[in-house]
Amino acid sequence: MVGGLIVGAETTKGMLSAPARAVTSPDDGYLPQAPSRPRSTGFTILTRFQASHGWRTSPGSRTRADLNDTTDYALGTQSLSLTTSAAGGTSGVDSPRYSSAVDLRHKTLRVLVKIDGVADLENFRLYAGDADFRNFRPYPLDLNERRTAASYVKDGAWTWVTLNGACGVAIGDGGLPVSRWRLTTSSLPGRRVTVHVNAVEYGPAPMTFPRGVVSICFDDGLLSPFRNAKPKLDQYGWAASEYPIVDRIASSDDGSHLTIAQLRECQEVSGWEIGLHSMTLADHDAGFDTLTLGEIRANLMADRRWLQQNDLGYGEGFAWPLGAFSLSAMKSAAPLCSYGRLNTTRTLETWPPADTMRIRSAANTDSAGRMISMVDETKASRSWLCLTFHEITPDGSGLHACRTETFNKVMDYIAAQRLEVLPMIEVLKKGEAT
């Protein structure tokens, strides 16, 4: 018992399911009922940083730590905050040694964070290890992308970040079982950033997908995946998720983009999901973080009507153009979509995802070794791997291209490891049913 909080024993109710949505209005067309947001239950509280939580500033730390910040919190009456030094250096805070050690295999971590100054953050890590950190595993919490608008965590907003227990590279034996924890942070030279942490929790990965699940995604409606990736997917009977830019779709074969007939073949014969991306290339290239809420709504509704008019389904899912979004854009898109998919480089998605409007997807990877390690993490964590591609070409030519040989090698590895492969909307619907 630490400050009235049962450490390592108290379970939370988790993230509540949002009600299923169904929208019908004369100007909208028909939006099918969306699956409920998957539930995350059974999380055990390590700490919520309430009074007497026991964490202390790390030896030699150059970061100013407010161990009991009563001015900014989302849970309880206080949080932990760390302000970096503009002079540089990485430092942070250490937990006490917990009597109940934790085995993080087949576990999901979740951390409630808020970052003031995301663009200036150099790193923000949670370490889980043994008593003296000779064996440990580092978990990234910054999640800031090269394009700030694509960052999972938005500046100044409290956000639940979920992480696979098998995430990252284990140092030594990975510190299993875990008895001590550490938070570290640093900012870019000459900059100062404040990070806030209000909870660190862990829970078992659900058995919805006992060996993990993979979704294969293609963006922009390009022709090369149809020619060079679809045959391998057809070999295994796997369906992908395609997100075309509507005004790039050709009425006849232009050599670069799919035709309506080819999209229909993907959907009707191979079972692909055809989702929303952008009605126009101009809006796509601007990024939805730059559009007004009205422009976002108009784009998505026009996109949906086009899909319906061309017998391409209802467009339940949505891929954020450029992976870029704002919190207001997310609120505008959420009533119109079952989910929103990002393009990310920092971490993989968990099952269930923390937020179905910002599902993480590993994008534009042309390294078989990197993708195979992603598959291994997904299998070990019983989680969800979304792989997003643009061009698939024999020689790797083209913007964000992956070589056909590399793609085929990774698909064969997924099959050998016996992970499920489903379109994104089917993953969410299966999660709702279990």
Protein backbone atom coordinates (compact mmCIF):
# COMPACT_ATOMS: atom_id res chain seq x y z
CA MET A 1 0.00 0.00 0.00
CA VAL A 2 1.52 3.33 -1.07
CA GLY A 3 -0.40 6.46 -0.16
CA GLY A 4 -3.71 4.62 -0.16
CA LEU A 5 -3.01 3.07 -3.57
CA ILE A 6 -2.67 -0.70 -3.85
CA VAL A 7 0.49 -1.08 -5.91
CA GLY A 8 0.57 -3.95 -8.38
CA ALA A 9 -2.80 -5.31 -7.36
CA GLU A 10 -5.62 -2.88 -8.09
CA THR A 11 -7.32 -3.39 -11.45
CA THR A 12 -9.02 -0.69 -13.48
CA LYS A 13 -12.21 -0.84 -15.47
CA GLY A 14 -10.26 0.14 -18.59
CA MET A 15 -11.37 2.08 -21.63
CA LEU A 16 -15.11 2.12 -22.04
CA SER A 17 -16.70 1.17 -25.32
CA ALA A 18 -18.21 4.04 -27.25
CA PRO A 19 -21.74 3.43 -28.49
CA ALA A 20 -22.10 2.15 -32.01
CA ARG A 21 -22.93 4.90 -34.49
CA ALA A 22 -25.40 4.99 -37.33
CA VAL A 23 -25.90 8.15 -39.37
CA THR A 24 -28.64 8.70 -41.89
CA SER A 25 -29.52 12.06 -43.40
CA PRO A 26 -30.48 13.19 -46.90
CA ASP A 27 -27.09 14.74 -47.67
CA ASP A 28 -24.94 12.06 -46.06
CA GLY A 29 -26.08 8.87 -47.73
CA TYR A 30 -25.97 5.83 -45.51
CA LEU A 31 -23.24 5.30 -42.95
CA PRO A 32 -23.34 1.70 -41.70
CA GLN A 33 -23.33 1.00 -38.03
CA ALA A 34 -19.75 1.15 -36.82
CA PRO A 35 -18.29 -1.48 -34.51
CA SER A 36 -18.06 -0.47 -30.88
CA ARG A 37 -14.64 0.62 -29.76
CA PRO A 38 -12.80 -2.46 -28.44
CA ARG A 39 -12.63 -2.69 -24.67
CA SER A 40 -9.34 -2.74 -22.75
CA THR A 41 -10.02 -4.32 -19.38
CA GLY A 42 -8.15 -5.80 -16.45
CA PHE A 43 -5.28 -3.34 -16.26
CA THR A 44 -3.30 -3.36 -13.03
CA ILE A 45 -2.20 0.00 -11.63
CA LEU A 46 1.51 0.23 -11.02
CA THR A 47 1.15 3.87 -10.00
CA ARG A 48 -1.05 6.87 -10.64
CA PHE A 49 1.46 9.16 -8.93
CA GLN A 50 -0.76 10.11 -6.06
CA ALA A 51 0.56 11.09 -2.63
CA SER A 52 3.42 8.93 -1.29
CA HIS A 53 3.88 7.10 -4.61
CA GLY A 54 7.52 6.44 -3.77
CA TRP A 55 9.20 7.55 -7.01
CA ARG A 56 12.36 9.66 -6.62
CA THR A 57 14.58 11.80 -8.81
CA SER A 58 17.29 9.67 -10.42
CA PRO A 59 20.86 10.14 -9.11
CA GLY A 60 22.64 12.92 -11.03
CA SER A 61 19.44 14.03 -12.74
CA ARG A 62 19.54 17.41 -14.48
CA THR A 63 15.80 17.43 -15.03
CA ARG A 64 13.61 19.39 -12.65
CA ALA A 65 11.08 16.95 -11.28
CA ASP A 66 7.84 17.86 -9.56
CA LEU A 67 7.04 14.54 -7.93
CA ASN A 68 3.70 15.80 -6.67
CA ASP A 69 2.34 18.20 -9.28
CA THR A 70 -1.05 19.38 -8.02
CA THR A 71 -1.44 21.96 -10.83
CA ASP A 72 -1.85 19.66 -13.85
CA TYR A 73 -3.41 16.19 -13.74
CA ALA A 74 -6.19 14.09 -15.28
CA LEU A 75 -6.59 11.38 -12.63
CA GLY A 76 -6.80 11.79 -8.88
CA THR A 77 -5.45 15.07 -7.46
CA GLN A 78 -1.88 15.19 -8.79
CA SER A 79 0.58 13.83 -11.34
CA LEU A 80 4.35 13.62 -11.91
CA SER A 81 6.03 16.23 -14.12
CA LEU A 82 9.56 16.49 -15.51
CA THR A 83 11.00 19.64 -17.08
CA THR A 84 14.09 19.15 -19.21
CA SER A 85 17.27 21.21 -19.02
CA ALA A 86 17.98 23.51 -21.98
CA ALA A 87 21.66 22.73 -21.38
CA GLY A 88 21.08 19.13 -22.47
CA GLY A 89 21.46 15.78 -20.78
CA THR A 90 19.06 12.91 -20.16
CA SER A 91 17.74 12.32 -16.69
CA GLY A 92 14.57 11.42 -14.88
CA VAL A 93 12.96 9.54 -12.00
CA ASP A 94 13.16 6.03 -10.54
CA SER A 95 10.46 3.92 -8.95
CA PRO A 96 10.86 2.14 -5.65
CA ARG A 97 11.57 -1.58 -5.86
CA TYR A 98 8.17 -3.23 -6.00
CA SER A 99 7.69 -6.41 -4.01
CA SER A 100 5.46 -7.92 -6.70
CA ALA A 101 7.62 -8.39 -9.79
CA VAL A 102 5.88 -8.35 -13.19
CA ASP A 103 6.39 -10.61 -16.20
CA LEU A 104 5.58 -8.44 -19.21
CA ARG A 105 5.39 -11.26 -21.72
CA HIS A 106 1.93 -11.30 -23.34
CA LYS A 107 1.21 -8.02 -21.56
CA THR A 108 0.18 -4.57 -22.73
CA LEU A 109 1.48 -1.42 -21.06
CA ARG A 110 -0.44 1.81 -21.00
CA VAL A 111 0.79 5.17 -19.80
CA LEU A 112 -1.20 8.40 -19.43
CA VAL A 113 1.01 11.24 -20.62
CA LYS A 114 0.89 14.91 -21.55
CA ILE A 115 3.75 16.70 -23.31
CA ASP A 116 4.17 20.47 -23.42
CA GLY A 117 6.48 21.03 -26.39
CA VAL A 118 6.21 17.87 -28.48
CA ALA A 119 8.23 19.31 -31.37
CA ASP A 120 11.19 20.05 -29.07
CA LEU A 121 11.26 16.64 -27.39
CA GLU A 122 14.35 14.54 -28.11
CA ASN A 123 13.32 11.41 -26.21
CA PHE A 124 10.95 10.23 -23.53
CA ARG A 125 11.33 6.67 -22.29
CA LEU A 126 9.89 4.25 -19.77
CA TYR A 127 12.37 1.58 -18.64
CA ALA A 128 11.21 -1.68 -17.08
CA GLY A 129 13.95 -3.79 -15.52
CA ASP A 130 15.47 -5.62 -12.60
CA ALA A 131 16.58 -4.06 -9.32
CA ASP A 132 19.74 -2.35 -10.67
CA PHE A 133 18.71 -2.02 -14.36
CA ARG A 134 21.37 -4.39 -15.63
CA ASN A 135 18.57 -6.15 -17.51
CA PHE A 136 15.78 -4.00 -18.90
CA ARG A 137 13.59 -3.06 -21.83
CA PRO A 138 13.13 0.59 -22.93
CA TYR A 139 9.71 1.73 -24.15
CA PRO A 140 9.35 4.94 -26.24
CA LEU A 141 6.74 7.44 -25.08
CA ASP A 142 7.52 10.46 -27.27
CA LEU A 143 5.98 9.02 -30.50
CA ASN A 144 6.79 12.29 -32.28
CA GLU A 145 7.19 11.93 -36.04
CA ARG A 146 9.34 13.91 -38.46
CA ARG A 147 6.18 15.74 -39.48
CA THR A 148 4.80 16.99 -36.16
CA ALA A 149 1.20 16.81 -37.42
CA ALA A 150 1.65 13.04 -37.78
CA SER A 151 2.71 12.59 -34.14
CA TYR A 152 0.47 10.31 -32.11
CA VAL A 153 0.67 12.50 -28.99
CA LYS A 154 -0.50 16.06 -29.50
CA ASP A 155 0.97 19.04 -27.70
CA GLY A 156 -0.65 19.81 -24.35
CA ALA A 157 -3.22 16.98 -24.46
CA TRP A 158 -3.53 14.09 -22.00
CA THR A 159 -3.24 10.86 -24.00
CA TRP A 160 -3.27 7.16 -23.19
CA VAL A 161 -0.32 5.50 -24.94
CA THR A 162 -0.42 1.71 -25.20
CA LEU A 163 2.69 -0.38 -25.84
CA ASN A 164 3.30 -4.04 -26.49
CA GLY A 165 5.18 -5.86 -23.74
CA ALA A 166 7.49 -7.23 -26.46
CA CYS A 167 8.13 -3.76 -27.89
CA GLY A 168 11.70 -2.66 -28.51
CA VAL A 169 15.06 -4.32 -27.94
CA ALA A 170 15.64 -6.18 -24.68
CA ILE A 171 18.94 -5.43 -22.93
CA GLY A 172 20.26 -8.56 -21.25
CA ASP A 173 17.29 -10.77 -20.50
CA GLY A 174 14.96 -7.78 -20.69
CA GLY A 175 14.67 -7.53 -16.91
CA LEU A 176 12.08 -10.29 -16.55
CA PRO A 177 10.47 -10.27 -14.12
CA VAL A 178 10.34 -6.47 -13.71
CA SER A 179 10.77 -5.02 -10.25
CA ARG A 180 11.90 -1.43 -10.96
CA TRP A 181 10.88 1.25 -13.41
CA ARG A 182 12.45 4.47 -14.66
CA LEU A 183 11.24 7.47 -16.66
CA THR A 184 13.78 9.54 -18.62
CA THR A 185 13.46 12.53 -20.92
CA SER A 186 15.54 15.07 -22.80
CA SER A 187 14.87 17.93 -25.21
CA LEU A 188 16.59 19.30 -28.28
CA PRO A 189 19.62 21.56 -27.60
CA GLY A 190 18.60 24.90 -26.15
CA ARG A 191 14.97 23.85 -25.70
CA ARG A 192 12.97 23.05 -22.59
CA VAL A 193 10.05 20.61 -22.51
CA THR A 194 7.75 19.51 -19.70
CA VAL A 195 6.34 16.00 -19.68
CA HIS A 196 3.57 14.91 -17.33
CA VAL A 197 2.77 11.33 -16.33
CA ASN A 198 -0.42 10.40 -14.48
CA ALA A 199 -0.49 6.60 -14.71
CA VAL A 200 1.59 3.54 -15.50
CA GLU A 201 -0.45 0.34 -15.85
CA TYR A 202 -0.15 -3.13 -17.37
CA GLY A 203 -2.58 -5.87 -18.30
CA PRO A 204 -2.85 -9.16 -20.18
CA ALA A 205 -3.17 -9.05 -23.96
CA PRO A 206 -6.65 -10.34 -24.89
CA MET A 207 -6.90 -13.72 -26.60
CA THR A 208 -8.95 -12.36 -29.51
CA PHE A 209 -5.98 -13.11 -31.77
CA PRO A 210 -3.87 -15.75 -29.97
CA ARG A 211 -1.02 -15.46 -32.49
CA GLY A 212 -1.57 -11.79 -33.42
CA VAL A 213 -3.27 -10.26 -36.44
CA VAL A 214 -1.95 -8.38 -39.48
CA SER A 215 -3.70 -5.88 -41.76
CA ILE A 216 -2.13 -5.13 -45.15
CA CYS A 217 -2.93 -1.61 -46.37
CA PHE A 218 -2.35 0.20 -49.66
CA ASP A 219 -2.72 3.97 -49.97
CA ASP A 220 -3.62 6.29 -52.85
CA GLY A 221 -5.13 3.78 -55.32
CA LEU A 222 -1.86 3.05 -57.12
CA LEU A 223 -1.75 0.30 -59.74
CA SER A 224 1.50 -1.46 -58.77
CA PRO A 225 0.10 -3.23 -55.66
CA PHE A 226 -2.70 -4.65 -57.83
CA ARG A 227 -0.13 -6.05 -60.24
CA ASN A 228 2.66 -7.05 -57.87
CA ALA A 229 1.20 -7.61 -54.37
CA LYS A 230 -2.34 -8.87 -54.96
CA PRO A 231 -1.17 -12.17 -56.52
CA LYS A 232 0.72 -13.10 -53.33
CA LEU A 233 -2.25 -12.12 -51.15
CA ASP A 234 -4.57 -14.14 -53.39
CA GLN A 235 -2.26 -17.14 -52.94
CA TYR A 236 -3.05 -17.17 -49.22
CA GLY A 237 -6.66 -16.01 -49.54
CA TRP A 238 -5.90 -12.76 -47.75
CA ALA A 239 -7.82 -9.51 -48.24
CA ALA A 240 -6.20 -6.09 -47.94
CA SER A 241 -7.45 -2.57 -47.17
CA GLU A 242 -7.19 -0.02 -50.01
CA TYR A 243 -7.54 3.76 -49.54
CA PRO A 244 -7.71 5.53 -52.94
CA ILE A 245 -7.47 9.23 -53.73
CA VAL A 246 -10.69 9.51 -55.71
CA ASP A 247 -9.71 12.06 -58.36
CA ARG A 248 -6.66 9.93 -59.21
CA ILE A 249 -8.77 6.87 -60.06
CA ALA A 250 -8.75 6.43 -63.83
CA SER A 251 -11.75 5.64 -65.99
CA SER A 252 -9.31 3.63 -68.12
CA ASP A 253 -5.84 2.20 -67.45
CA ASP A 254 -3.40 5.15 -67.18
CA GLY A 255 -0.50 2.95 -66.12
CA SER A 256 -0.27 4.42 -62.60
CA HIS A 257 -3.63 4.17 -60.85
CA LEU A 258 -6.40 1.63 -60.45
CA THR A 259 -9.58 1.83 -62.47
CA ILE A 260 -13.01 1.55 -60.93
CA ALA A 261 -13.30 -1.93 -62.44
CA GLN A 262 -10.04 -3.01 -60.79
CA LEU A 263 -11.13 -1.61 -57.43
CA ARG A 264 -14.38 -3.52 -57.80
CA GLU A 265 -12.46 -6.70 -58.58
CA CYS A 266 -10.39 -6.25 -55.43
CA GLN A 267 -13.52 -5.84 -53.35
CA GLU A 268 -15.92 -8.32 -54.94
CA VAL A 269 -13.53 -11.13 -55.88
CA SER A 270 -10.70 -10.86 -53.34
CA GLY A 271 -12.70 -9.41 -50.43
CA TRP A 272 -10.71 -6.20 -50.02
CA GLU A 273 -11.93 -3.30 -47.90
CA ILE A 274 -12.13 -0.02 -49.85
CA GLY A 275 -11.81 2.86 -47.40
CA LEU A 276 -11.82 6.65 -47.37
CA HIS A 277 -8.63 8.63 -47.93
CA SER A 278 -9.34 11.88 -49.80
CA MET A 279 -11.68 13.01 -52.54
CA THR A 280 -8.95 15.16 -54.10
CA LEU A 281 -5.18 15.09 -54.42
CA ALA A 282 -5.06 18.75 -53.37
CA ASP A 283 -6.71 18.03 -49.99
CA HIS A 284 -4.56 14.91 -49.57
CA ASP A 285 -1.30 16.78 -50.13
CA ALA A 286 -2.37 19.61 -47.83
CA GLY A 287 -3.05 17.18 -44.97
CA PHE A 288 -6.33 17.14 -43.08
CA ASP A 289 -4.68 18.96 -40.18
CA THR A 290 -4.75 22.09 -42.40
CA LEU A 291 -8.42 21.84 -43.47
CA THR A 292 -11.41 23.37 -41.72
CA LEU A 293 -13.86 21.05 -40.01
CA GLY A 294 -16.38 21.78 -42.76
CA GLU A 295 -13.85 20.94 -45.47
CA ILE A 296 -13.03 17.64 -43.78
CA ARG A 297 -16.68 16.70 -43.54
CA ALA A 298 -17.37 17.69 -47.15
CA ASN A 299 -14.38 15.71 -48.39
CA LEU A 300 -15.25 12.54 -46.49
CA MET A 301 -18.93 12.66 -47.44
CA ALA A 302 -18.11 13.19 -51.13
CA ASP A 303 -15.62 10.31 -50.91
CA ARG A 304 -18.26 8.08 -49.32
CA ARG A 305 -20.90 8.96 -51.93
CA TRP A 306 -18.43 8.15 -54.72
CA LEU A 307 -17.74 4.71 -53.23
CA GLN A 308 -21.45 3.98 -52.88
CA GLN A 309 -22.31 5.20 -56.37
CA ASN A 310 -19.63 2.91 -57.82
CA ASP A 311 -20.64 -0.17 -55.80
CA LEU A 312 -17.42 -0.13 -53.76
CA GLY A 313 -18.98 -0.51 -50.33
CA TYR A 314 -19.67 2.06 -47.65
CA GLY A 315 -16.18 3.32 -46.88
CA GLU A 316 -16.31 2.52 -43.19
CA GLY A 317 -12.60 3.05 -42.52
CA PHE A 318 -10.40 6.08 -43.13
CA ALA A 319 -6.66 6.56 -43.63
CA TRP A 320 -5.39 10.03 -42.62
CA PRO A 321 -3.65 11.63 -45.64
CA LEU A 322 0.09 11.90 -44.88
CA GLY A 323 -0.77 10.43 -41.48
CA ALA A 324 -1.40 14.02 -40.35
CA PHE A 325 -4.20 15.04 -38.02
CA SER A 326 -5.19 17.45 -35.31
CA LEU A 327 -7.46 16.82 -32.35
CA SER A 328 -10.17 19.00 -33.90
CA ALA A 329 -9.83 17.15 -37.23
CA MET A 330 -10.17 13.87 -35.38
CA LYS A 331 -13.39 15.05 -33.73
CA SER A 332 -14.75 16.11 -37.13
CA ALA A 333 -13.94 12.78 -38.80
CA ALA A 334 -14.93 10.48 -35.93
CA PRO A 335 -18.75 10.57 -36.46
CA LEU A 336 -18.27 9.63 -40.12
CA CYS A 337 -15.85 6.70 -39.81
CA SER A 338 -15.40 3.46 -37.92
CA TYR A 339 -11.69 4.19 -37.51
CA GLY A 340 -8.83 6.45 -38.60
CA ARG A 341 -5.44 4.99 -39.54
CA LEU A 342 -2.09 6.78 -39.17
CA ASN A 343 1.35 6.28 -40.71
CA THR A 344 3.87 5.88 -37.89
CA THR A 345 7.52 5.03 -37.34
CA ARG A 346 7.84 4.97 -33.55
CA THR A 347 5.80 2.03 -32.23
CA LEU A 348 3.39 -0.63 -33.40
CA GLU A 349 -0.28 -0.83 -32.54
CA THR A 350 -1.58 -2.88 -29.63
CA TRP A 351 -4.71 -4.98 -29.37
CA PRO A 352 -7.03 -3.43 -28.63
CA PRO A 353 -5.86 0.02 -29.78
CA ALA A 354 -6.02 2.87 -27.29
CA ASP A 355 -7.87 5.08 -29.79
CA THR A 356 -9.59 3.79 -32.94
CA MET A 357 -9.31 7.22 -34.61
CA ARG A 358 -5.50 7.10 -34.48
CA ILE A 359 -4.55 3.50 -35.18
CA ARG A 360 -0.81 3.17 -35.68
CA SER A 361 0.44 1.69 -38.95
CA ALA A 362 4.05 1.00 -39.95
CA ALA A 363 4.38 2.69 -43.32
CA ASN A 364 6.65 2.46 -46.36
CA THR A 365 9.07 -0.16 -45.06
CA ASP A 366 11.33 -1.90 -47.60
CA SER A 367 13.39 -3.93 -45.13
CA ALA A 368 12.40 -7.57 -44.85
CA GLY A 369 14.34 -7.84 -41.58
CA ARG A 370 12.52 -4.87 -40.05
CA MET A 371 9.10 -6.17 -41.06
CA ILE A 372 9.91 -9.68 -39.85
CA SER A 373 10.83 -8.22 -36.43
CA MET A 374 7.47 -6.44 -36.44
CA VAL A 375 5.74 -9.76 -37.10
CA ASP A 376 7.68 -11.35 -34.24
CA GLU A 377 6.67 -8.56 -31.84
CA THR A 378 3.04 -8.86 -32.94
CA LYS A 379 3.02 -12.61 -32.38
CA ALA A 380 4.75 -12.36 -28.99
CA SER A 381 2.32 -9.65 -27.83
CA ARG A 382 -0.88 -11.06 -29.40
CA SER A 383 -1.28 -7.61 -30.93
CA TRP A 384 -2.20 -5.89 -34.20
CA LEU A 385 0.29 -5.10 -36.96
CA CYS A 386 -0.86 -2.71 -39.67
CA LEU A 387 1.56 -2.58 -42.61
CA THR A 388 0.99 0.25 -45.09
CA PHE A 389 2.47 0.34 -48.59
CA HIS A 390 2.27 2.65 -51.58
CA GLU A 391 4.17 1.29 -54.59
CA ILE A 392 5.13 -2.39 -54.91
CA THR A 393 7.59 -2.71 -57.81
CA PRO A 394 10.06 -5.38 -58.96
CA ASP A 395 13.09 -3.10 -58.63
CA GLY A 396 11.88 -0.90 -55.76
CA SER A 397 11.39 2.13 -58.02
CA GLY A 398 8.64 4.60 -57.24
CA LEU A 399 7.74 6.90 -54.35
CA HIS A 400 7.78 5.01 -51.02
CA ALA A 401 8.26 1.78 -52.96
CA CYS A 402 8.77 -1.72 -51.60
CA ARG A 403 10.35 -4.40 -53.80
CA THR A 404 8.03 -7.21 -54.85
CA GLU A 405 10.56 -9.78 -53.60
CA THR A 406 10.65 -8.14 -50.17
CA PHE A 407 6.85 -7.98 -49.95
CA ASN A 408 6.51 -11.64 -50.93
CA LYS A 409 9.16 -12.73 -48.42
CA VAL A 410 7.35 -10.97 -45.57
CA MET A 411 3.96 -12.40 -46.59
CA ASP A 412 5.47 -15.90 -46.64
CA TYR A 413 6.89 -15.31 -43.15
CA ILE A 414 3.50 -14.16 -41.82
CA ALA A 415 1.95 -17.31 -43.24
CA ALA A 416 4.65 -19.51 -41.70
CA GLN A 417 4.08 -17.91 -38.28
CA ARG A 418 0.32 -18.48 -38.67
CA LEU A 419 -0.87 -14.99 -37.81
CA GLU A 420 -4.36 -14.01 -38.94
CA VAL A 421 -4.53 -11.54 -41.84
CA LEU A 422 -7.67 -9.41 -42.07
CA PRO A 423 -8.72 -6.01 -43.45
CA MET A 424 -8.74 -3.37 -40.75
CA ILE A 425 -12.52 -3.13 -40.49
CA GLU A 426 -12.75 -6.90 -40.02
CA VAL A 427 -10.24 -6.80 -37.17
CA LEU A 428 -12.42 -4.28 -35.34
CA LYS A 429 -15.61 -6.21 -36.04
CA LYS A 430 -14.08 -9.46 -34.82
CA GLY A 431 -12.96 -7.69 -31.66
CA GLU A 432 -16.51 -6.48 -31.09
CA ALA A 433 -17.89 -10.00 -31.49
CA THR A 434 -15.51 -11.64 -28.97
